Amino acid sequence: MTGPELESAVILCGGMGRRMGAEKGLLEIEGEPFIVRISWGLMEHFQEVLAVFRDEDQMGMYADILDPSIRLLTDEVPGLGPLGGILTGLENISTMAALFVPCDSPLITGEFLVNMKVVFSEMGSSCDVIVPENGGRLEPLHAVYSRSLRGDIRLLLSRNKRRVGELIESVNSCPVPAIRLDPSLESFRNFNRPEDLRI
């Protein structure tokens, strides 16, 4: 890699899990909580891993199962959805950008993580967001966001605009074919309903 290196990753955990009826990051796959599986994969490839929760109560549910090297944070301003979580992550990373992933995608592959790092080394200097695109649909919660976007996010939130898509549309975003990042596309599989657990 000759360009900038991607060394920070953030797990977004603040969702309410209403459709699932449970705390999604604590659900298990092959006997392992989603968030533990995700975090171990991230720790293999990134120097800095953070996890953002909606509040102290939620964070307390996870504190004992996560590796102590992972920095646990709560949303700076509660109730702003994933965009608020992205802002909290960007405010706390020590590098110029981070890969963000959701806590309900336990099938994220090492290949995806390595390929995101490679793509960042190629495009990170010229893109505010690097976002996978799958069949014309963006995957904004499996994307790289630049720390320089903090002001843009604050402006959107001040205007009560909370969709991550609105950020992506308003800045220099670079779509990358999802199949290039993970040919299996398993990394983008979300578990939102109980029936999704039948894998």
Protein backbone atom coordinates (compact mmCIF):
# COMPACT_ATOMS: atom_id res chain seq x y z
CA MET A 1 0.00 0.00 0.00
CA THR A 2 1.43 3.36 -0.98
CA GLY A 3 -1.41 5.73 -0.05
CA PRO A 4 -2.92 6.55 3.34
CA GLU A 5 -3.56 3.64 5.66
CA LEU A 6 -6.91 2.90 7.28
CA GLU A 7 -6.23 2.00 10.91
CA SER A 8 -9.46 2.88 12.75
CA ALA A 9 -12.77 1.02 12.86
CA VAL A 10 -16.02 1.81 14.66
CA ILE A 11 -18.89 -0.54 15.51
CA LEU A 12 -22.28 1.18 15.56
CA CYS A 13 -24.43 -0.38 18.30
CA GLY A 14 -27.05 2.25 19.07
CA GLY A 15 -30.07 0.73 17.33
CA MET A 16 -33.10 -0.14 19.43
CA GLY A 17 -33.58 -3.59 17.88
CA ARG A 18 -37.36 -3.20 17.80
CA ARG A 19 -37.90 -5.54 14.85
CA MET A 20 -35.67 -8.19 16.38
CA GLY A 21 -37.17 -7.76 19.84
CA ALA A 22 -33.73 -8.09 21.43
CA GLU A 23 -30.38 -6.37 21.80
CA LYS A 24 -28.97 -7.30 18.40
CA GLY A 25 -25.29 -7.18 19.21
CA LEU A 26 -25.81 -9.75 21.97
CA LEU A 27 -27.53 -12.27 19.72
CA GLU A 28 -25.35 -15.29 19.03
CA ILE A 29 -24.11 -16.99 15.93
CA GLU A 30 -22.32 -20.30 16.41
CA GLY A 31 -22.36 -19.65 20.16
CA GLU A 32 -20.67 -16.26 19.91
CA PRO A 33 -22.31 -12.82 20.35
CA PHE A 34 -22.52 -10.85 17.11
CA ILE A 35 -20.47 -7.98 18.49
CA VAL A 36 -17.71 -10.25 19.78
CA ARG A 37 -17.33 -11.91 16.39
CA ILE A 38 -17.28 -8.54 14.63
CA SER A 39 -14.83 -7.01 17.08
CA TRP A 40 -12.32 -9.85 16.84
CA GLY A 41 -12.30 -9.50 13.06
CA LEU A 42 -11.71 -5.77 13.33
CA MET A 43 -8.93 -6.15 15.90
CA GLU A 44 -7.04 -8.41 13.49
CA HIS A 45 -6.88 -5.66 10.87
CA PHE A 46 -7.12 -2.30 12.64
CA GLN A 47 -4.95 -0.65 15.28
CA GLU A 48 -7.88 1.20 16.85
CA VAL A 49 -11.38 -0.20 17.40
CA LEU A 50 -14.23 1.76 18.99
CA ALA A 51 -17.86 0.89 19.73
CA VAL A 52 -20.62 3.51 19.97
CA PHE A 53 -23.74 2.90 22.08
CA ARG A 54 -26.93 4.90 22.50
CA ASP A 55 -26.52 5.37 26.28
CA GLU A 56 -24.72 4.19 29.40
CA ASP A 57 -27.29 1.45 30.11
CA GLN A 58 -26.76 -0.14 26.70
CA MET A 59 -22.99 0.19 26.99
CA GLY A 60 -23.11 -1.63 30.32
CA MET A 61 -24.68 -4.67 28.63
CA TYR A 62 -21.57 -5.06 26.47
CA ALA A 63 -18.72 -3.93 28.70
CA ASP A 64 -17.90 -7.36 30.13
CA ILE A 65 -17.84 -9.26 26.84
CA LEU A 66 -15.69 -6.94 24.73
CA ASP A 67 -11.91 -6.93 24.68
CA PRO A 68 -10.57 -4.20 27.01
CA SER A 69 -8.61 -2.67 24.13
CA ILE A 70 -11.87 -1.57 22.49
CA ARG A 71 -12.88 1.95 23.42
CA LEU A 72 -16.54 2.18 24.44
CA LEU A 73 -18.45 5.41 23.77
CA THR A 74 -22.00 6.71 24.05
CA ASP A 75 -23.68 9.02 21.57
CA GLU A 76 -22.74 12.64 22.20
CA VAL A 77 -26.36 13.59 21.54
CA PRO A 78 -28.79 10.68 22.04
CA GLY A 79 -31.53 9.80 19.60
CA LEU A 80 -29.95 10.96 16.35
CA GLY A 81 -29.66 7.51 14.77
CA PRO A 82 -26.67 6.18 12.85
CA LEU A 83 -25.58 9.64 11.70
CA GLY A 84 -25.18 10.67 15.33
CA GLY A 85 -23.18 7.51 15.98
CA ILE A 86 -20.92 8.26 13.03
CA LEU A 87 -20.30 11.75 14.42
CA THR A 88 -19.42 10.34 17.84
CA GLY A 89 -17.01 7.89 16.25
CA LEU A 90 -15.32 10.55 14.12
CA GLU A 91 -14.96 12.83 17.15
CA ASN A 92 -13.03 10.13 18.99
CA ILE A 93 -10.78 8.39 16.46
CA SER A 94 -7.10 9.29 16.46
CA THR A 95 -6.68 8.94 12.69
CA MET A 96 -7.98 10.71 9.58
CA ALA A 97 -10.80 8.25 8.80
CA ALA A 98 -12.54 5.12 10.02
CA LEU A 99 -14.44 2.15 8.71
CA PHE A 100 -17.90 1.98 10.26
CA VAL A 101 -19.81 -1.29 10.55
CA PRO A 102 -23.10 -2.18 12.27
CA CYS A 103 -23.37 -4.61 15.18
CA ASP A 104 -25.98 -6.71 13.32
CA SER A 105 -23.65 -7.89 10.53
CA PRO A 106 -21.79 -10.80 12.14
CA LEU A 107 -20.75 -12.33 8.81
CA ILE A 108 -18.30 -9.54 7.92
CA THR A 109 -15.35 -11.26 6.29
CA GLY A 110 -11.64 -10.68 6.61
CA GLU A 111 -11.56 -10.26 2.84
CA PHE A 112 -13.97 -7.33 3.09
CA LEU A 113 -11.86 -5.66 5.78
CA VAL A 114 -8.62 -6.09 3.84
CA ASN A 115 -10.20 -4.85 0.62
CA MET A 116 -11.61 -1.76 2.34
CA LYS A 117 -8.10 -0.97 3.56
CA VAL A 118 -6.73 -1.42 0.04
CA VAL A 119 -9.43 0.78 -1.49
CA PHE A 120 -8.76 3.45 1.14
CA SER A 121 -5.06 3.43 0.26
CA GLU A 122 -6.06 4.05 -3.36
CA MET A 123 -8.87 6.57 -2.87
CA GLY A 124 -8.76 7.84 0.71
CA SER A 125 -6.92 11.04 -0.12
CA SER A 126 -9.61 12.16 -2.57
CA CYS A 127 -12.87 10.81 -1.08
CA ASP A 128 -14.86 11.98 1.94
CA VAL A 129 -16.81 8.71 2.00
CA ILE A 130 -15.98 5.33 0.48
CA VAL A 131 -19.23 3.39 0.33
CA PRO A 132 -20.02 -0.07 -1.07
CA GLU A 133 -22.67 -0.19 -3.78
CA ASN A 134 -24.67 -3.35 -4.28
CA GLY A 135 -27.01 -3.48 -7.29
CA GLY A 136 -27.54 0.28 -7.25
CA ARG A 137 -28.09 0.33 -3.47
CA LEU A 138 -25.54 1.90 -1.17
CA GLU A 139 -24.36 0.28 2.06
CA PRO A 140 -23.77 3.41 4.19
CA LEU A 141 -23.21 1.49 7.44
CA HIS A 142 -20.35 -0.52 5.94
CA ALA A 143 -18.44 2.53 4.77
CA VAL A 144 -15.37 4.65 5.43
CA TYR A 145 -15.94 8.22 6.61
CA SER A 146 -13.34 10.97 6.84
CA ARG A 147 -12.87 12.80 10.11
CA SER A 148 -13.14 16.05 8.12
CA LEU A 149 -16.91 15.42 7.82
CA ARG A 150 -17.66 16.33 11.42
CA GLY A 151 -18.75 19.85 10.49
CA ASP A 152 -20.94 18.59 7.64
CA ILE A 153 -22.66 16.12 9.96
CA ARG A 154 -23.24 18.74 12.64
CA LEU A 155 -24.79 21.03 10.03
CA LEU A 156 -27.15 18.31 8.80
CA LEU A 157 -28.19 17.40 12.34
CA SER A 158 -28.80 21.07 13.18
CA ARG A 159 -31.28 21.09 10.28
CA ASN A 160 -32.93 17.92 11.60
CA LYS A 161 -31.58 15.90 8.69
CA ARG A 162 -30.65 12.51 10.10
CA ARG A 163 -30.38 10.21 7.11
CA VAL A 164 -26.85 9.00 6.41
CA GLY A 165 -27.80 9.12 2.74
CA GLU A 166 -28.17 12.89 2.95
CA LEU A 167 -24.56 13.16 4.10
CA ILE A 168 -23.36 10.88 1.32
CA GLU A 169 -25.25 12.92 -1.27
CA SER A 170 -23.84 16.23 -0.02
CA VAL A 171 -20.12 15.42 0.07
CA ASN A 172 -17.49 13.84 -2.18
CA SER A 173 -18.55 10.20 -1.95
CA CYS A 174 -16.92 7.37 -3.86
CA PRO A 175 -19.03 4.24 -4.46
CA VAL A 176 -17.19 0.93 -4.82
CA PRO A 177 -18.85 -2.25 -6.12
CA ALA A 178 -19.70 -4.37 -3.09
CA ILE A 179 -18.82 -7.52 -4.97
CA ARG A 180 -15.27 -6.23 -5.39
CA LEU A 181 -15.00 -5.88 -1.61
CA ASP A 182 -16.66 -9.17 -0.71
CA PRO A 183 -17.56 -11.48 -3.61
CA SER A 184 -19.83 -13.49 -1.28
CA LEU A 185 -21.69 -10.32 -0.18
CA GLU A 186 -22.06 -11.95 3.25
CA SER A 187 -20.43 -8.94 4.90
CA PHE A 188 -23.51 -6.87 4.07
CA ARG A 189 -26.03 -9.31 5.47
CA ASN A 190 -28.00 -7.72 8.31
CA PHE A 191 -30.00 -9.56 10.94
CA ASN A 192 -33.06 -7.43 11.66
CA ARG A 193 -35.84 -9.97 12.35
CA PRO A 194 -35.95 -13.30 14.20
CA GLU A 195 -36.38 -15.18 10.93
CA ASP A 196 -33.06 -13.75 9.69
CA LEU A 197 -31.29 -15.91 12.28
CA ARG A 198 -32.08 -19.06 10.30
CA ILE A 199 -28.81 -19.31 8.42
